[in-house]
PDB file of N, CA and C in Angstrom:
ATOM      1  N   MET A   1     118.513 122.875  93.485  1.00  0.00           N
ATOM      2  CA  MET A   1     118.454 122.450  94.871  1.00  0.00           C
ATOM      3  C   MET A   1     117.228 121.568  95.130  1.00  0.00           C
ATOM      4  N   SER A   2     116.096 121.907  94.501  1.00  0.00           N
ATOM      5  CA  SER A   2     114.885 121.118  94.729  1.00  0.00           C
ATOM      6  C   SER A   2     115.019 119.707  94.154  1.00  0.00           C
ATOM      7  N   VAL A   3     115.811 119.550  93.093  1.00  0.00           N
ATOM      8  CA  VAL A   3     116.031 118.220  92.521  1.00  0.00           C
ATOM      9  C   VAL A   3     116.770 117.344  93.526  1.00  0.00           C
ATOM     10  N   LEU A   4     117.757 117.915  94.186  1.00  0.00           N
ATOM     11  CA  LEU A   4     118.523 117.170  95.179  1.00  0.00           C
ATOM     12  C   LEU A   4     117.641 116.755  96.352  1.00  0.00           C
ATOM     13  N   ILE A   5     116.770 117.633  96.787  1.00  0.00           N
ATOM     14  CA  ILE A   5     115.850 117.314  97.882  1.00  0.00           C
ATOM     15  C   ILE A   5     114.882 116.210  97.446  1.00  0.00           C
ATOM     16  N   GLY A   6     114.378 116.289  96.222  1.00  0.00           N
ATOM     17  CA  GLY A   6     113.485 115.254  95.709  1.00  0.00           C
ATOM     18  C   GLY A   6     114.157 113.898  95.634  1.00  0.00           C
ATOM     19  N   ILE A   7     115.396 113.877  95.192  1.00  0.00           N
ATOM     20  CA  ILE A   7     116.152 112.625  95.115  1.00  0.00           C
ATOM     21  C   ILE A   7     116.375 112.056  96.507  1.00  0.00           C
ATOM     22  N   LEU A   8     116.717 112.904  97.453  1.00  0.00           N
ATOM     23  CA  LEU A   8     116.946 112.453  98.819  1.00  0.00           C
ATOM     24  C   LEU A   8     115.675 111.895  99.444  1.00  0.00           C
ATOM     25  N   ILE A   9     114.558 112.578  99.251  1.00  0.00           N
ATOM     26  CA  ILE A   9     113.285 112.103  99.800  1.00  0.00           C
ATOM     27  C   ILE A   9     112.894 110.772  99.170  1.00  0.00           C
ATOM     28  N   THR A  10     113.063 110.648  97.860  1.00  0.00           N
ATOM     29  CA  THR A  10     112.748 109.387  97.178  1.00  0.00           C
ATOM     30  C   THR A  10     113.606 108.253  97.722  1.00  0.00           C
ATOM     31  N   PHE A  11     114.882 108.514  97.893  1.00  0.00           N
ATOM     32  CA  PHE A  11     115.795 107.500  98.421  1.00  0.00           C
ATOM     33  C   PHE A  11     115.381 107.073  99.829  1.00  0.00           C
ATOM     34  N   LEU A  12     115.039 108.025 100.676  1.00  0.00           N
ATOM     35  CA  LEU A  12     114.622 107.710 102.043  1.00  0.00           C
ATOM     36  C   LEU A  12     113.313 106.926 102.079  1.00  0.00           C
ATOM     37  N   VAL A  13     112.371 107.276 101.200  1.00  0.00           N
ATOM     38  CA  VAL A  13     111.100 106.558 101.151  1.00  0.00           C
ATOM     39  C   VAL A  13     111.313 105.117 100.704  1.00  0.00           C
ATOM     40  N   VAL A  14     112.168 104.908  99.717  1.00  0.00           N
ATOM     41  CA  VAL A  14     112.451 103.548  99.249  1.00  0.00           C
ATOM     42  C   VAL A  14     113.073 102.721 100.368  1.00  0.00           C
ATOM     43  N   ILE A  15     114.008 103.298 101.092  1.00  0.00           N
ATOM     44  CA  ILE A  15     114.635 102.579 102.202  1.00  0.00           C
ATOM     45  C   ILE A  15     113.610 102.250 103.284  1.00  0.00           C
ATOM     46  N   LEU A  16     112.730 103.205 103.603  1.00  0.00           N
ATOM     47  CA  LEU A  16     111.704 102.967 104.618  1.00  0.00           C
ATOM     48  C   LEU A  16     110.745 101.856 104.191  1.00  0.00           C
ATOM     49  N   VAL A  17     110.315 101.877 102.937  1.00  0.00           N
ATOM     50  CA  VAL A  17     109.393 100.844 102.454  1.00  0.00           C
ATOM     51  C   VAL A  17     110.073  99.480 102.450  1.00  0.00           C
ATOM     52  N   LEU A  18     111.341  99.415 102.059  1.00  0.00           N
ATOM     53  CA  LEU A  18     112.058  98.137 102.091  1.00  0.00           C
ATOM     54  C   LEU A  18     112.182  97.617 103.524  1.00  0.00           C
ATOM     55  N   TYR A  19     112.403  98.513 104.474  1.00  0.00           N
ATOM     56  CA  TYR A  19     112.464  98.105 105.882  1.00  0.00           C
ATOM     57  C   TYR A  19     111.107  97.558 106.339  1.00  0.00           C
ATOM     58  N   LEU A  20     110.035  98.238 105.965  1.00  0.00           N
ATOM     59  CA  LEU A  20     108.710  97.790 106.366  1.00  0.00           C
ATOM     60  C   LEU A  20     108.348  96.452 105.726  1.00  0.00           C
ATOM     61  N   ILE A  21     108.795  96.231 104.499  1.00  0.00           N
ATOM     62  CA  ILE A  21     108.553  94.941 103.845  1.00  0.00           C
ATOM     63  C   ILE A  21     109.253  93.823 104.617  1.00  0.00           C
ATOM     64  N   GLU A  22     110.448  94.099 105.117  1.00  0.00           N
ATOM     65  CA  GLU A  22     111.174  93.088 105.895  1.00  0.00           C
ATOM     66  C   GLU A  22     110.428  92.720 107.168  1.00  0.00           C
ATOM     67  N   ARG A  23     109.686  93.661 107.724  1.00  0.00           N
ATOM     68  CA  ARG A  23     108.967  93.423 108.971  1.00  0.00           C
ATOM     69  C   ARG A  23     107.651  92.676 108.767  1.00  0.00           C
ATOM     70  N   LEU A  24     107.163  92.578 107.541  1.00  0.00           N
ATOM     71  CA  LEU A  24     105.893  91.915 107.283  1.00  0.00           C
ATOM     72  C   LEU A  24     106.009  90.407 107.453  1.00  0.00           C
ATOM     73  N   PRO A  25     104.979  89.792 108.008  1.00  0.00           N
ATOM     74  CA  PRO A  25     105.013  88.323 108.179  1.00  0.00           C
ATOM     75  C   PRO A  25     104.496  87.601 106.934  1.00  0.00           C
ATOM     76  N   ILE A  26     105.224  87.721 105.835  1.00  0.00           N
ATOM     77  CA  ILE A  26     104.831  87.045 104.601  1.00  0.00           C
ATOM     78  C   ILE A  26     105.965  86.123 104.167  1.00  0.00           C
ATOM     79  N   GLN A  27     105.662  85.269 103.211  1.00  0.00           N
ATOM     80  CA  GLN A  27     106.636  84.278 102.756  1.00  0.00           C
ATOM     81  C   GLN A  27     107.787  84.940 102.004  1.00  0.00           C
ATOM     82  N   GLY A  28     108.874  84.217 101.887  1.00  0.00           N
ATOM     83  CA  GLY A  28     110.084  84.738 101.268  1.00  0.00           C
ATOM     84  C   GLY A  28     109.921  85.137  99.822  1.00  0.00           C
ATOM     85  N   GLN A  29     109.199  84.350  99.044  1.00  0.00           N
ATOM     86  CA  GLN A  29     109.011  84.664  97.621  1.00  0.00           C
ATOM     87  C   GLN A  29     108.220  85.953  97.452  1.00  0.00           C
ATOM     88  N   ALA A  30     107.192  86.159  98.262  1.00  0.00           N
ATOM     89  CA  ALA A  30     106.391  87.378  98.183  1.00  0.00           C
ATOM     90  C   ALA A  30     107.218  88.593  98.603  1.00  0.00           C
ATOM     91  N   LYS A  31     108.072  88.421  99.610  1.00  0.00           N
ATOM     92  CA  LYS A  31     108.955  89.516 100.036  1.00  0.00           C
ATOM     93  C   LYS A  31     109.910  89.896  98.918  1.00  0.00           C
ATOM     94  N   GLN A  32     110.460  88.903  98.245  1.00  0.00           N
ATOM     95  CA  GLN A  32     111.402  89.169  97.159  1.00  0.00           C
ATOM     96  C   GLN A  32     110.727  89.938  96.026  1.00  0.00           C
ATOM     97  N   ILE A  33     109.524  89.539  95.671  1.00  0.00           N
ATOM     98  CA  ILE A  33     108.784  90.238  94.617  1.00  0.00           C
ATOM     99  C   ILE A  33     108.487  91.666  95.034  1.00  0.00           C
ATOM    100  N   ALA A  34     108.071  91.852  96.288  1.00  0.00           N
ATOM    101  CA  ALA A  34     107.771  93.196  96.783  1.00  0.00           C
ATOM    102  C   ALA A  34     109.025  94.068  96.780  1.00  0.00           C
ATOM    103  N   ARG A  35     110.164  93.506  97.184  1.00  0.00           N
ATOM    104  CA  ARG A  35     111.423  94.268  97.153  1.00  0.00           C
ATOM    105  C   ARG A  35     111.775  94.699  95.744  1.00  0.00           C
ATOM    106  N   ILE A  36     111.640  93.797  94.790  1.00  0.00           N
ATOM    107  CA  ILE A  36     111.976  94.120  93.399  1.00  0.00           C
ATOM    108  C   ILE A  36     111.072  95.224  92.873  1.00  0.00           C
ATOM    109  N   VAL A  37     109.772  95.137  93.173  1.00  0.00           N
ATOM    110  CA  VAL A  37     108.830  96.156  92.710  1.00  0.00           C
ATOM    111  C   VAL A  37     109.174  97.516  93.300  1.00  0.00           C
ATOM    112  N   VAL A  38     109.485  97.566  94.595  1.00  0.00           N
ATOM    113  CA  VAL A  38     109.815  98.835  95.246  1.00  0.00           C
ATOM    114  C   VAL A  38     111.100  99.416  94.669  1.00  0.00           C
ATOM    115  N   ILE A  39     112.091  98.586  94.431  1.00  0.00           N
ATOM    116  CA  ILE A  39     113.353  99.073  93.874  1.00  0.00           C
ATOM    117  C   ILE A  39     113.152  99.602  92.459  1.00  0.00           C
ATOM    118  N   ILE A  40     112.365  98.913  91.645  1.00  0.00           N
ATOM    119  CA  ILE A  40     112.110  99.388  90.282  1.00  0.00           C
ATOM    120  C   ILE A  40     111.368 100.718  90.304  1.00  0.00           C
ATOM    121  N   ILE A  41     110.357 100.839  91.157  1.00  0.00           N
ATOM    122  CA  ILE A  41     109.625 102.104  91.260  1.00  0.00           C
ATOM    123  C   ILE A  41     110.554 103.213  91.741  1.00  0.00           C
ATOM    124  N   GLY A  42     111.420 102.906  92.691  1.00  0.00           N
ATOM    125  CA  GLY A  42     112.377 103.894  93.182  1.00  0.00           C
ATOM    126  C   GLY A  42     113.338 104.348  92.101  1.00  0.00           C
ATOM    127  N   ILE A  43     113.843 103.418  91.317  1.00  0.00           N
ATOM    128  CA  ILE A  43     114.768 103.773  90.236  1.00  0.00           C
ATOM    129  C   ILE A  43     114.071 104.630  89.192  1.00  0.00           C
ATOM    130  N   LEU A  44     112.840 104.261  88.835  1.00  0.00           N
ATOM    131  CA  LEU A  44     112.102 105.068  87.858  1.00  0.00           C
ATOM    132  C   LEU A  44     111.826 106.465  88.387  1.00  0.00           C
ATOM    133  N   SER A  45     111.532 106.572  89.667  1.00  0.00           N
ATOM    134  CA  SER A  45     111.291 107.882  90.264  1.00  0.00           C
ATOM    135  C   SER A  45     112.568 108.723  90.260  1.00  0.00           C
ATOM    136  N   LEU A  46     113.692 108.097  90.582  1.00  0.00           N
ATOM    137  CA  LEU A  46     114.963 108.832  90.551  1.00  0.00           C
ATOM    138  C   LEU A  46     115.310 109.277  89.136  1.00  0.00           C
ATOM    139  N   LEU A  47     115.033 108.429  88.165  1.00  0.00           N
ATOM    140  CA  LEU A  47     115.287 108.817  86.769  1.00  0.00           C
ATOM    141  C   LEU A  47     114.398 109.978  86.347  1.00  0.00           C
ATOM    142  N   LYS A  48     113.182 110.017  86.884  1.00  0.00           N
ATOM    143  CA  LYS A  48     112.290 111.146  86.594  1.00  0.00           C
ATOM    144  C   LYS A  48     112.880 112.448  87.136  1.00  0.00           C
ATOM    145  N   TYR A  49     113.418 112.394  88.338  1.00  0.00           N
ATOM    146  CA  TYR A  49     114.026 113.595  88.919  1.00  0.00           C
ATOM    147  C   TYR A  49     115.262 114.036  88.158  1.00  0.00           C
ATOM    148  N   LEU A  50     115.956 113.090  87.565  1.00  0.00           N
ATOM    149  CA  LEU A  50     117.146 113.425  86.785  1.00  0.00           C
ATOM    150  C   LEU A  50     116.819 113.793  85.344  1.00  0.00           C
ATOM    151  N   ALA A  51     115.525 113.926  85.046  1.00  0.00           N
ATOM    152  CA  ALA A  51     115.023 114.355  83.734  1.00  0.00           C
ATOM    153  C   ALA A  51     115.389 113.386  82.622  1.00  0.00           C
ATOM    154  N   VAL A  52     115.463 112.111  82.922  1.00  0.00           N
ATOM    155  CA  VAL A  52     115.706 111.112  81.894  1.00  0.00           C
ATOM    156  C   VAL A  52     114.391 110.826  81.165  1.00  0.00           C
ATOM    157  N   PHE A  53     113.275 110.816  81.918  1.00  0.00           N
ATOM    158  CA  PHE A  53     111.962 110.599  81.324  1.00  0.00           C
ATOM    159  C   PHE A  53     111.255 111.918  81.177  1.00  0.00           C
TER     160      PHE A  53
END
């Protein structure tokens, strides 16, 4: 059960950070890089919860 809660919290945090990145007044290329970094960190975190790493 705790794994499911961890996955849900990670997913919600990634969505919140992506929303906040969209609200930042920065250029498009920097936003794209920030989105990619957040998504990669989110995927790695989810893989950690699934005991892949």
